[in-house]
Amino acid sequence: MNLTLLSAAMLVAITLVGVLGLRRFSDKVRITFDVSCFLVISFYFHKQGIFFPVFPPLPDHADSGALWLRAIGGAWWLLGSRIVVGGLWFALHRDRRSRGARLFSDLFAAAIYIATAAIVLNSVFALPITGVVATSGVVAIVLALALQNTLADVFSGIAVGIEAPFSVGDRIQIADKIEGVVAQINWRSIRIHTDGDDMAIIPNSLIAKAEIVNRSSPSQRRAASVEIVCPESAVPERVIETLLHATLLCPDILSVPAPSAVLTQLGARRNAYKISFFVGNTRHLSSTKDILLRAARRQLHYAGFLDQDRRDETATLNLTDEALTVRRLLRDITLFEYLDERQLDSLADLFELLRLEPGEALFSEDAADAALYMVAAGILELTRKSGAVAGTVGCIGAGEYVGEIGMLTAAPHAATAVARTHCRIYRLPREAIAPLLAKNTELAFAFDKSVRRGMEILHREVAVRASPDIGPQGQLLQRIRSIFHFGSD
């Protein structure tokens, strides 16, 4: 074998080994190899005086040199088609939205490889392909009958791909049955990662016929609503105002567009209301509805709209609405859970009512204020400084309290409280509970437990973040004893 034939054999061998052996490597490595071999073979043809590897039919007694030349010509066409397919793949996968859509790149690649095979057979090896084309038509008919369902999925996938109603990474809902994030789009089906952490595989033929809602387009913002019922005796305007206050307690509800509350139905005994709102992402929808329903229930409860017997209770106990509100707040908050009825009643008379206008401050960060604050109505916004910038900690509403650490330990406030709406706040100074502790020093243990348990209550997350650190177990109790001047026995 002369040097020319040896070079041709080596080029063919290197090409085959590279094409088969580099399949596990990255796309960049494979296309770099293909381009390198293509250029080397092109240079080889140039040295041989061949500018385009297309050859006439083989003579009856062809020598080995002609066969090797045609073999390397076939390798040239194969590498060229691989380079075109690789470039096409990179062009179709430049952005995230087309990264998972392999359907069109696969179709184009198949067409390029079929055309390359026809050129190699007809123009390189000079083989007749007319019979092959005729036979392939018969085979195509047989395959079409046998694979009609699969072909329906494929062509439906082509139609869906042309319209492109969604892409990989989009959240979609299909026919009110399946909702999730599109994980993959391929020839026959799409894969959807559902919220239940399952992988739903849906044929393209069903996708083409189904109603599709793309939750990610034009934005991931999601509209939702919840319904609330109240006794018909509740004034609708006040109920709507209270429900809007509840939306301020939900951090994931968007302020733009603003949430709304409307009266949807009048009844003989109950009226129906609907709160409409937007969240930034579907992932927040379920938790936001939960928070909103619980917040709405608390606000309506302390406003007296859910209690049908409130008037009877007021008349029976001979109490004003304000006095009844204080009693309910005291019985509901965890801080005073160890006090008996007589102690709670005596404590209720010591609360001072504060009325705040929107924007008015209740207390400031780092200020010493030995008092407990209970919210009877309205919304307080808590902010905390981080360097020179004040960040929002969150909002608290009716039924919540703040300041217990400062009242029991004289620690300064860890945040600033400002009224977001018109507020009614009840203030209890430290001096009010001093007589209770003087008569029963065991209450110090009860307050220590109540403070710690109150910080674990779900709806008090914002108030806890705005409170000073109580330290490890036992430290709070020591500070209470120190402030109220009694020993540990």
Protein backbone atom coordinates (compact mmCIF):
# COMPACT_ATOMS: atom_id res chain seq x y z
CA MET A 1 0.00 0.00 0.00
CA ASN A 2 1.49 3.34 -1.04
CA LEU A 3 1.60 6.44 1.12
CA THR A 4 -1.54 7.98 -0.44
CA LEU A 5 -3.66 4.90 0.19
CA LEU A 6 -2.29 4.65 3.75
CA SER A 7 -3.27 8.26 4.41
CA ALA A 8 -6.77 7.66 3.04
CA ALA A 9 -7.19 4.53 5.19
CA MET A 10 -6.03 6.38 8.27
CA LEU A 11 -8.46 9.25 7.62
CA VAL A 12 -11.38 6.85 7.24
CA ALA A 13 -10.40 4.92 10.37
CA ILE A 14 -9.96 8.09 12.46
CA THR A 15 -13.32 9.39 11.25
CA LEU A 16 -15.18 6.19 12.15
CA VAL A 17 -13.46 5.84 15.53
CA GLY A 18 -14.16 9.49 16.37
CA VAL A 19 -17.80 9.38 15.29
CA LEU A 20 -18.47 6.23 17.31
CA GLY A 21 -16.12 6.80 20.24
CA LEU A 22 -16.98 10.41 21.06
CA ARG A 23 -20.71 9.85 21.52
CA ARG A 24 -20.41 10.16 25.31
CA PHE A 25 -18.55 13.47 25.14
CA SER A 26 -20.05 16.95 25.07
CA ASP A 27 -21.49 18.51 21.92
CA LYS A 28 -18.62 21.00 21.70
CA VAL A 29 -16.02 18.21 21.74
CA ARG A 30 -17.83 16.24 19.05
CA ILE A 31 -18.36 19.19 16.71
CA THR A 32 -14.74 20.28 17.18
CA PHE A 33 -13.61 16.79 16.14
CA ASP A 34 -15.96 16.79 13.15
CA VAL A 35 -14.75 20.18 11.91
CA SER A 36 -11.10 19.15 12.34
CA CYS A 37 -11.53 15.92 10.39
CA PHE A 38 -13.61 17.68 7.73
CA LEU A 39 -10.85 20.24 7.16
CA VAL A 40 -8.15 17.56 7.06
CA ILE A 41 -10.10 15.50 4.49
CA SER A 42 -10.81 18.65 2.46
CA PHE A 43 -7.07 19.40 2.43
CA TYR A 44 -6.40 15.80 1.35
CA PHE A 45 -8.83 16.13 -1.57
CA HIS A 46 -7.26 19.43 -2.49
CA LYS A 47 -3.84 17.74 -2.67
CA GLN A 48 -5.40 15.09 -4.88
CA GLY A 49 -6.85 17.74 -7.18
CA ILE A 50 -10.44 17.02 -6.14
CA PHE A 51 -12.49 20.06 -5.16
CA PHE A 52 -15.86 18.32 -4.68
CA PRO A 53 -16.08 14.57 -3.82
CA VAL A 54 -18.52 13.41 -6.50
CA PHE A 55 -17.35 10.49 -8.64
CA PRO A 56 -18.41 8.73 -11.86
CA PRO A 57 -19.56 5.09 -11.84
CA LEU A 58 -16.91 2.53 -10.92
CA PRO A 59 -15.30 0.58 -13.77
CA ASP A 60 -15.62 -3.18 -13.80
CA HIS A 61 -12.11 -3.67 -12.45
CA ALA A 62 -11.70 -0.85 -9.94
CA ASP A 63 -8.47 -0.73 -8.00
CA SER A 64 -8.21 -0.33 -4.23
CA GLY A 65 -7.16 3.34 -4.58
CA ALA A 66 -10.50 4.26 -6.19
CA LEU A 67 -12.40 2.42 -3.46
CA TRP A 68 -10.48 4.17 -0.66
CA LEU A 69 -11.01 7.50 -2.37
CA ARG A 70 -14.75 6.91 -2.47
CA ALA A 71 -14.70 5.75 1.16
CA ILE A 72 -13.02 8.95 2.24
CA GLY A 73 -15.51 10.87 0.09
CA GLY A 74 -18.35 9.23 2.00
CA ALA A 75 -16.65 10.23 5.28
CA TRP A 76 -16.41 13.84 3.99
CA TRP A 77 -20.14 13.97 3.28
CA LEU A 78 -20.94 12.34 6.67
CA LEU A 79 -18.81 14.86 8.56
CA GLY A 80 -20.30 17.73 6.58
CA SER A 81 -23.84 16.66 7.44
CA ARG A 82 -22.90 16.27 11.11
CA ILE A 83 -21.45 19.80 11.14
CA VAL A 84 -24.62 21.21 9.57
CA VAL A 85 -26.81 19.34 12.07
CA GLY A 86 -24.63 20.51 14.96
CA GLY A 87 -24.78 24.12 13.81
CA LEU A 88 -28.55 23.83 13.39
CA TRP A 89 -28.89 22.42 16.91
CA PHE A 90 -26.95 25.33 18.41
CA ALA A 91 -29.03 27.81 16.40
CA LEU A 92 -32.33 26.35 17.63
CA HIS A 93 -31.19 26.09 21.25
CA ARG A 94 -29.83 29.57 21.82
CA ASP A 95 -32.55 30.65 24.26
CA ARG A 96 -34.20 28.91 27.18
CA ARG A 97 -37.63 28.68 25.58
CA SER A 98 -36.37 26.47 22.69
CA ARG A 99 -33.89 24.44 24.69
CA GLY A 100 -36.20 21.50 25.27
CA ALA A 101 -37.98 21.58 21.90
CA ARG A 102 -36.05 18.85 20.11
CA LEU A 103 -38.76 18.09 17.58
CA PHE A 104 -37.73 20.49 14.82
CA SER A 105 -34.02 19.90 15.19
CA ASP A 106 -34.66 16.14 14.98
CA LEU A 107 -36.77 16.56 11.83
CA PHE A 108 -34.19 18.75 10.12
CA ALA A 109 -31.41 16.38 11.16
CA ALA A 110 -33.29 13.40 9.72
CA ALA A 111 -33.88 15.22 6.43
CA ILE A 112 -30.19 16.20 6.20
CA TYR A 113 -28.97 12.66 6.92
CA ILE A 114 -31.40 11.13 4.39
CA ALA A 115 -30.27 13.59 1.72
CA THR A 116 -26.62 12.88 2.57
CA ALA A 117 -27.17 9.12 2.32
CA ALA A 118 -28.80 9.56 -1.09
CA ILE A 119 -25.89 11.70 -2.33
CA VAL A 120 -23.28 9.23 -1.04
CA LEU A 121 -25.01 6.26 -2.62
CA ASN A 122 -25.73 7.95 -5.94
CA SER A 123 -22.84 10.39 -6.44
CA VAL A 124 -19.98 8.91 -4.43
CA PHE A 125 -20.42 5.18 -4.83
CA ALA A 126 -22.46 5.59 -8.04
CA LEU A 127 -25.14 3.11 -6.96
CA PRO A 128 -28.67 3.28 -8.47
CA ILE A 129 -31.20 4.49 -5.90
CA THR A 130 -34.35 4.38 -8.05
CA GLY A 131 -35.26 0.92 -6.77
CA VAL A 132 -34.55 1.96 -3.23
CA VAL A 133 -36.92 4.93 -3.56
CA ALA A 134 -39.69 2.75 -5.02
CA THR A 135 -39.26 0.13 -2.30
CA SER A 136 -39.23 2.79 0.41
CA GLY A 137 -42.66 4.01 -0.75
CA VAL A 138 -44.19 0.57 -0.15
CA VAL A 139 -42.42 0.30 3.21
CA ALA A 140 -43.67 3.76 4.17
CA ILE A 141 -47.31 2.75 3.50
CA VAL A 142 -46.97 -0.39 5.62
CA LEU A 143 -45.31 1.50 8.45
CA ALA A 144 -47.94 4.27 8.30
CA LEU A 145 -50.73 1.71 8.81
CA ALA A 146 -48.89 -0.05 11.62
CA LEU A 147 -47.84 3.13 13.42
CA GLN A 148 -50.82 5.40 12.79
CA ASN A 149 -51.24 6.30 16.50
CA THR A 150 -47.56 7.07 16.87
CA LEU A 151 -47.58 9.09 13.64
CA ALA A 152 -50.64 10.99 14.88
CA ASP A 153 -48.63 11.95 17.97
CA VAL A 154 -45.66 12.98 15.82
CA PHE A 155 -47.63 15.17 13.43
CA SER A 156 -49.61 16.63 16.32
CA GLY A 157 -46.27 17.42 17.92
CA ILE A 158 -45.24 19.21 14.72
CA ALA A 159 -48.45 21.28 14.79
CA VAL A 160 -48.00 22.12 18.47
CA GLY A 161 -44.36 22.96 17.84
CA ILE A 162 -45.26 25.37 15.04
CA GLU A 163 -47.85 27.17 17.17
CA ALA A 164 -45.62 26.97 20.28
CA PRO A 165 -48.27 27.58 22.97
CA PHE A 166 -45.72 26.72 25.67
CA SER A 167 -42.05 25.91 26.15
CA VAL A 168 -39.90 23.96 28.57
CA GLY A 169 -40.08 25.59 31.99
CA ASP A 170 -43.58 27.04 31.49
CA ARG A 171 -46.36 26.22 33.93
CA ILE A 172 -49.41 24.99 32.03
CA GLN A 173 -52.84 23.56 32.77
CA ILE A 174 -54.31 21.01 30.39
CA ALA A 175 -58.08 20.49 30.16
CA ASP A 176 -58.64 21.39 33.85
CA LYS A 177 -57.05 18.05 34.79
CA ILE A 178 -53.27 18.36 34.88
CA GLU A 179 -51.21 21.35 35.95
CA GLY A 180 -47.47 21.63 36.35
CA VAL A 181 -44.20 22.70 34.80
CA VAL A 182 -43.22 21.45 31.33
CA ALA A 183 -40.10 19.35 31.83
CA GLN A 184 -39.55 17.99 28.31
CA ILE A 185 -40.97 18.20 24.78
CA ASN A 186 -40.14 15.39 22.38
CA TRP A 187 -41.41 13.62 19.29
CA ARG A 188 -44.32 11.74 20.76
CA SER A 189 -45.26 13.42 24.02
CA ILE A 190 -44.56 16.08 26.61
CA ARG A 191 -43.58 15.54 30.22
CA ILE A 192 -45.12 17.69 32.95
CA HIS A 193 -43.76 17.87 36.48
CA THR A 194 -46.92 18.23 38.57
CA ASP A 195 -47.32 19.93 41.94
CA GLY A 196 -47.67 16.48 43.48
CA ASP A 197 -44.06 15.75 42.42
CA ASP A 198 -45.24 13.32 39.74
CA MET A 199 -44.19 13.20 36.10
CA ALA A 200 -47.20 13.20 33.76
CA ILE A 201 -46.53 11.97 30.21
CA ILE A 202 -49.17 13.23 27.75
CA PRO A 203 -49.26 12.21 24.03
CA ASN A 204 -49.06 15.07 21.56
CA SER A 205 -52.33 13.99 19.92
CA LEU A 206 -54.15 14.78 23.18
CA ILE A 207 -52.25 18.05 23.59
CA ALA A 208 -53.35 19.19 20.13
CA LYS A 209 -57.03 18.69 21.04
CA ALA A 210 -56.99 19.89 24.65
CA GLU A 211 -57.61 23.32 26.12
CA ILE A 212 -54.25 24.68 27.29
CA VAL A 213 -53.77 27.51 29.79
CA ASN A 214 -50.21 28.83 29.95
CA ARG A 215 -49.69 30.18 33.46
CA SER A 216 -46.27 31.60 32.56
CA SER A 217 -47.38 33.80 29.66
CA PRO A 218 -47.48 36.75 29.42
CA SER A 219 -46.23 36.66 33.04
CA GLN A 220 -46.16 34.24 35.95
CA ARG A 221 -48.57 36.44 37.90
CA ARG A 222 -51.66 34.51 38.97
CA ALA A 223 -55.15 35.78 39.82
CA ALA A 224 -57.20 34.07 42.51
CA SER A 225 -60.12 34.63 44.83
CA VAL A 226 -61.67 33.30 48.03
CA GLU A 227 -65.25 33.51 49.24
CA ILE A 228 -66.35 34.51 52.74
CA VAL A 229 -69.83 34.50 54.33
CA CYS A 230 -70.99 36.77 57.15
CA PRO A 231 -74.28 37.19 59.00
CA GLU A 232 -76.68 39.48 57.15
CA SER A 233 -76.72 41.84 60.14
CA ALA A 234 -73.10 42.85 59.45
CA VAL A 235 -72.85 46.15 57.58
CA PRO A 236 -71.41 45.27 54.10
CA GLU A 237 -69.20 48.38 53.91
CA ARG A 238 -67.52 47.53 57.22
CA VAL A 239 -67.13 43.88 56.26
CA ILE A 240 -65.46 44.85 52.96
CA GLU A 241 -63.10 47.21 54.79
CA THR A 242 -62.20 44.44 57.25
CA LEU A 243 -61.55 41.94 54.44
CA LEU A 244 -59.23 44.42 52.71
CA HIS A 245 -57.34 44.75 55.99
CA ALA A 246 -56.87 40.98 55.94
CA THR A 247 -55.15 41.16 52.55
CA LEU A 248 -52.46 43.39 54.10
CA LEU A 249 -51.51 40.47 56.36
CA CYS A 250 -50.58 38.30 53.35
CA PRO A 251 -47.04 39.16 52.21
CA ASP A 252 -47.36 37.35 48.86
CA ILE A 253 -50.44 39.30 47.68
CA LEU A 254 -49.34 41.89 45.12
CA SER A 255 -50.15 45.52 45.78
CA VAL A 256 -50.48 46.15 42.02
CA PRO A 257 -53.08 45.27 40.83
CA ALA A 258 -54.63 46.07 44.19
CA PRO A 259 -56.74 43.37 45.87
CA SER A 260 -60.48 43.94 46.01
CA ALA A 261 -63.42 42.75 48.10
CA VAL A 262 -67.02 42.83 46.89
CA LEU A 263 -70.46 41.74 48.08
CA THR A 264 -71.56 38.91 45.77
CA GLN A 265 -74.81 37.66 47.27
CA LEU A 266 -77.49 38.83 49.72
CA GLY A 267 -79.28 36.22 51.82
CA ALA A 268 -81.94 36.01 54.47
CA ARG A 269 -79.39 34.93 57.07
CA ARG A 270 -75.95 35.32 55.45
CA ASN A 271 -74.29 37.48 52.84
CA ALA A 272 -71.49 36.27 50.59
CA TYR A 273 -68.32 38.23 49.80
CA LYS A 274 -65.42 37.58 47.44
CA ILE A 275 -61.80 38.70 47.88
CA SER A 276 -59.88 38.90 44.59
CA PHE A 277 -56.09 39.22 44.49
CA PHE A 278 -52.92 38.48 42.54
CA VAL A 279 -49.79 36.58 43.54
CA GLY A 280 -46.45 36.68 41.76
CA ASN A 281 -46.18 32.94 41.19
CA THR A 282 -48.44 29.89 41.27
CA ARG A 283 -46.22 28.34 43.95
CA HIS A 284 -47.50 30.98 46.40
CA LEU A 285 -51.18 30.49 45.60
CA SER A 286 -52.11 27.71 48.03
CA SER A 287 -50.23 29.15 51.01
CA THR A 288 -51.59 32.64 50.32
CA LYS A 289 -55.18 31.40 50.31
CA ASP A 290 -54.53 29.66 53.62
CA ILE A 291 -53.04 32.79 55.21
CA LEU A 292 -55.79 35.00 53.79
CA LEU A 293 -58.64 32.82 55.05
CA ARG A 294 -57.15 32.61 58.54
CA ALA A 295 -56.42 36.35 58.61
CA ALA A 296 -59.93 37.20 57.38
CA ARG A 297 -61.45 34.99 60.03
CA ARG A 298 -59.46 36.71 62.80
CA GLN A 299 -60.28 40.22 61.58
CA LEU A 300 -63.99 39.43 61.25
CA HIS A 301 -64.05 37.72 64.65
CA TYR A 302 -62.59 40.65 66.55
CA ALA A 303 -64.78 43.06 64.61
CA GLY A 304 -67.77 41.11 65.93
CA PHE A 305 -69.08 40.06 62.52
CA LEU A 306 -68.89 36.31 63.12
CA ASP A 307 -70.48 36.31 66.58
CA GLN A 308 -74.26 36.19 66.37
CA ASP A 309 -74.59 36.25 70.16
CA ARG A 310 -72.38 39.29 70.72
CA ARG A 311 -75.31 41.57 71.56
CA ASP A 312 -76.79 39.04 73.97
CA GLU A 313 -73.43 38.60 75.68
CA THR A 314 -72.98 42.37 75.99
CA ALA A 315 -76.41 42.74 77.57
CA THR A 316 -75.98 39.75 79.91
CA LEU A 317 -72.59 40.87 81.25
CA ASN A 318 -73.60 44.53 81.28
CA LEU A 319 -70.43 45.44 79.35
CA THR A 320 -69.73 47.91 76.61
CA ASP A 321 -68.44 46.73 73.25
CA GLU A 322 -64.97 48.04 74.14
CA ALA A 323 -64.91 46.17 77.44
CA LEU A 324 -66.10 42.99 75.76
CA THR A 325 -63.38 43.34 73.10
CA VAL A 326 -60.66 43.64 75.77
CA ARG A 327 -61.97 40.57 77.59
CA ARG A 328 -61.92 38.54 74.37
CA LEU A 329 -58.43 39.67 73.47
CA LEU A 330 -57.13 38.75 76.94
CA ARG A 331 -58.71 35.31 76.79
CA ASP A 332 -57.43 34.60 73.29
CA ILE A 333 -53.78 35.64 73.53
CA THR A 334 -51.30 33.06 74.76
CA LEU A 335 -49.45 35.44 77.08
CA PHE A 336 -52.20 35.40 79.75
CA GLU A 337 -53.29 31.78 79.41
CA TYR A 338 -52.37 30.98 83.04
CA LEU A 339 -54.45 33.79 84.58
CA ASP A 340 -57.87 32.94 86.02
CA GLU A 341 -61.10 34.79 85.23
CA ARG A 342 -60.87 37.11 88.23
CA GLN A 343 -57.30 38.11 87.36
CA LEU A 344 -58.23 38.68 83.70
CA ASP A 345 -61.21 40.85 84.67
CA SER A 346 -59.07 43.00 86.97
CA LEU A 347 -56.39 43.29 84.28
CA ALA A 348 -58.94 44.32 81.63
CA ASP A 349 -59.74 47.53 83.51
CA LEU A 350 -56.07 48.63 83.32
CA PHE A 351 -55.78 48.75 79.53
CA GLU A 352 -55.54 52.12 77.82
CA LEU A 353 -57.21 52.57 74.42
CA LEU A 354 -55.11 54.22 71.68
CA ARG A 355 -56.50 55.33 68.35
CA LEU A 356 -54.02 55.74 65.49
CA GLU A 357 -54.42 57.41 62.12
CA PRO A 358 -52.76 55.87 59.02
CA GLY A 359 -49.06 56.72 59.07
CA GLU A 360 -48.97 57.44 62.82
CA ALA A 361 -46.21 55.66 64.78
CA LEU A 362 -47.02 53.50 67.80
CA PHE A 363 -43.41 53.03 68.94
CA SER A 364 -39.93 53.35 67.43
CA GLU A 365 -37.04 50.95 67.10
CA ASP A 366 -34.57 51.02 70.05
CA ALA A 367 -37.04 53.01 72.16
CA ALA A 368 -37.57 51.86 75.77
CA ASP A 369 -41.28 51.30 76.29
CA ALA A 370 -42.31 48.86 79.02
CA ALA A 371 -45.79 48.12 77.71
CA LEU A 372 -47.76 45.45 75.89
CA TYR A 373 -49.85 46.38 72.84
CA MET A 374 -52.88 44.39 71.69
CA VAL A 375 -54.42 45.13 68.29
CA ALA A 376 -58.22 45.29 68.45
CA ALA A 377 -58.79 46.64 64.93
CA GLY A 378 -56.69 47.82 61.98
CA ILE A 379 -53.26 46.92 60.64
CA LEU A 380 -49.83 47.79 62.07
CA GLU A 381 -46.74 47.66 59.84
CA LEU A 382 -43.45 46.71 61.52
CA THR A 383 -40.15 47.89 60.04
CA ARG A 384 -36.54 47.38 61.09
CA LYS A 385 -33.40 49.24 60.10
CA SER A 386 -30.54 47.51 58.34
CA GLY A 387 -27.79 50.07 58.16
CA ALA A 388 -29.32 53.26 56.80
CA VAL A 389 -32.25 51.47 55.12
CA ALA A 390 -35.48 50.50 56.86
CA GLY A 391 -36.91 47.16 55.72
CA THR A 392 -40.45 45.90 56.25
CA VAL A 393 -40.74 43.01 58.69
CA GLY A 394 -44.45 42.52 58.04
CA CYS A 395 -47.90 43.49 59.28
CA ILE A 396 -49.99 42.43 62.27
CA GLY A 397 -53.75 42.80 62.74
CA ALA A 398 -56.60 42.29 65.17
CA GLY A 399 -56.02 39.57 67.74
CA GLU A 400 -52.22 39.92 67.68
CA TYR A 401 -49.96 41.50 70.24
CA VAL A 402 -46.44 42.88 70.42
CA GLY A 403 -44.17 44.32 73.10
CA GLU A 404 -44.41 41.53 75.68
CA ILE A 405 -40.62 41.16 75.87
CA GLY A 406 -40.18 44.86 76.62
CA MET A 407 -42.95 44.80 79.23
CA LEU A 408 -41.43 41.86 81.10
CA THR A 409 -37.71 42.61 80.69
CA ALA A 410 -37.40 46.35 79.85
CA ALA A 411 -35.69 45.47 76.54
CA PRO A 412 -35.99 48.20 73.87
CA HIS A 413 -38.17 47.64 70.83
CA ALA A 414 -36.46 45.77 68.00
CA ALA A 415 -38.66 47.40 65.32
CA THR A 416 -40.80 50.43 64.54
CA ALA A 417 -44.60 50.07 64.44
CA VAL A 418 -46.64 52.39 62.18
CA ALA A 419 -50.38 52.26 61.47
CA ARG A 420 -51.23 51.21 57.90
CA THR A 421 -54.95 51.82 58.51
CA HIS A 422 -57.09 53.35 61.23
CA CYS A 423 -56.20 51.32 64.32
CA ARG A 424 -57.55 50.65 67.79
CA ILE A 425 -54.75 49.50 70.09
CA TYR A 426 -54.94 48.56 73.76
CA ARG A 427 -51.86 49.36 75.84
CA LEU A 428 -50.98 47.59 79.09
CA PRO A 429 -48.06 49.12 81.06
CA ARG A 430 -45.69 47.03 83.16
CA GLU A 431 -47.07 48.55 86.37
CA ALA A 432 -50.41 46.83 85.70
CA ILE A 433 -49.02 43.31 86.09
CA ALA A 434 -46.59 44.10 88.92
CA PRO A 435 -49.27 43.55 91.64
CA LEU A 436 -50.13 40.16 90.12
CA LEU A 437 -46.52 39.03 90.30
CA ALA A 438 -46.11 40.44 93.79
CA LYS A 439 -49.04 38.33 95.06
CA ASN A 440 -48.06 35.18 93.16
CA THR A 441 -44.40 34.86 92.22
CA GLU A 442 -45.15 31.55 90.47
CA LEU A 443 -46.67 33.60 87.66
CA ALA A 444 -43.10 34.40 86.55
CA PHE A 445 -42.75 30.75 85.49
CA ALA A 446 -46.10 30.96 83.71
CA PHE A 447 -45.12 34.13 81.84
CA ASP A 448 -41.81 32.54 80.82
CA LYS A 449 -43.65 29.55 79.32
CA SER A 450 -46.35 31.71 77.74
CA VAL A 451 -43.83 34.02 76.03
CA ARG A 452 -41.95 31.09 74.54
CA ARG A 453 -45.10 29.31 73.43
CA GLY A 454 -46.52 32.51 71.97
CA MET A 455 -43.46 32.81 69.75
CA GLU A 456 -44.23 29.42 68.21
CA ILE A 457 -47.81 30.30 67.16
CA LEU A 458 -48.15 30.28 63.39
CA HIS A 459 -49.86 33.63 62.85
CA ARG A 460 -47.41 35.48 65.16
CA GLU A 461 -44.43 35.05 62.84
CA VAL A 462 -44.23 38.78 62.02
CA ALA A 463 -44.55 39.89 65.66
CA VAL A 464 -41.85 37.42 66.71
CA ARG A 465 -39.43 38.72 64.05
CA ALA A 466 -40.03 42.25 65.39
CA SER A 467 -39.35 41.26 69.03
CA PRO A 468 -36.03 41.33 70.92
CA ASP A 469 -34.16 38.07 71.45
CA ILE A 470 -35.28 36.29 74.64
CA GLY A 471 -32.08 34.27 74.94
CA PRO A 472 -31.67 30.59 75.92
CA GLN A 473 -33.91 28.64 78.28
CA GLY A 474 -34.00 30.23 81.74
CA GLN A 475 -32.56 33.61 80.77
CA LEU A 476 -35.98 35.21 80.24
CA LEU A 477 -37.14 34.02 83.66
CA GLN A 478 -34.08 35.57 85.32
CA ARG A 479 -34.72 38.88 83.58
CA ILE A 480 -38.37 38.88 84.69
CA ARG A 481 -37.31 38.26 88.31
CA SER A 482 -34.75 41.04 88.06
CA ILE A 483 -37.21 43.60 86.67
CA PHE A 484 -39.94 42.84 89.22
CA HIS A 485 -37.49 42.53 92.16
CA PHE A 486 -38.20 39.16 93.66
CA GLY A 487 -35.84 36.25 94.32
CA SER A 488 -35.75 32.78 92.94
CA ASP A 489 -36.24 31.09 96.29
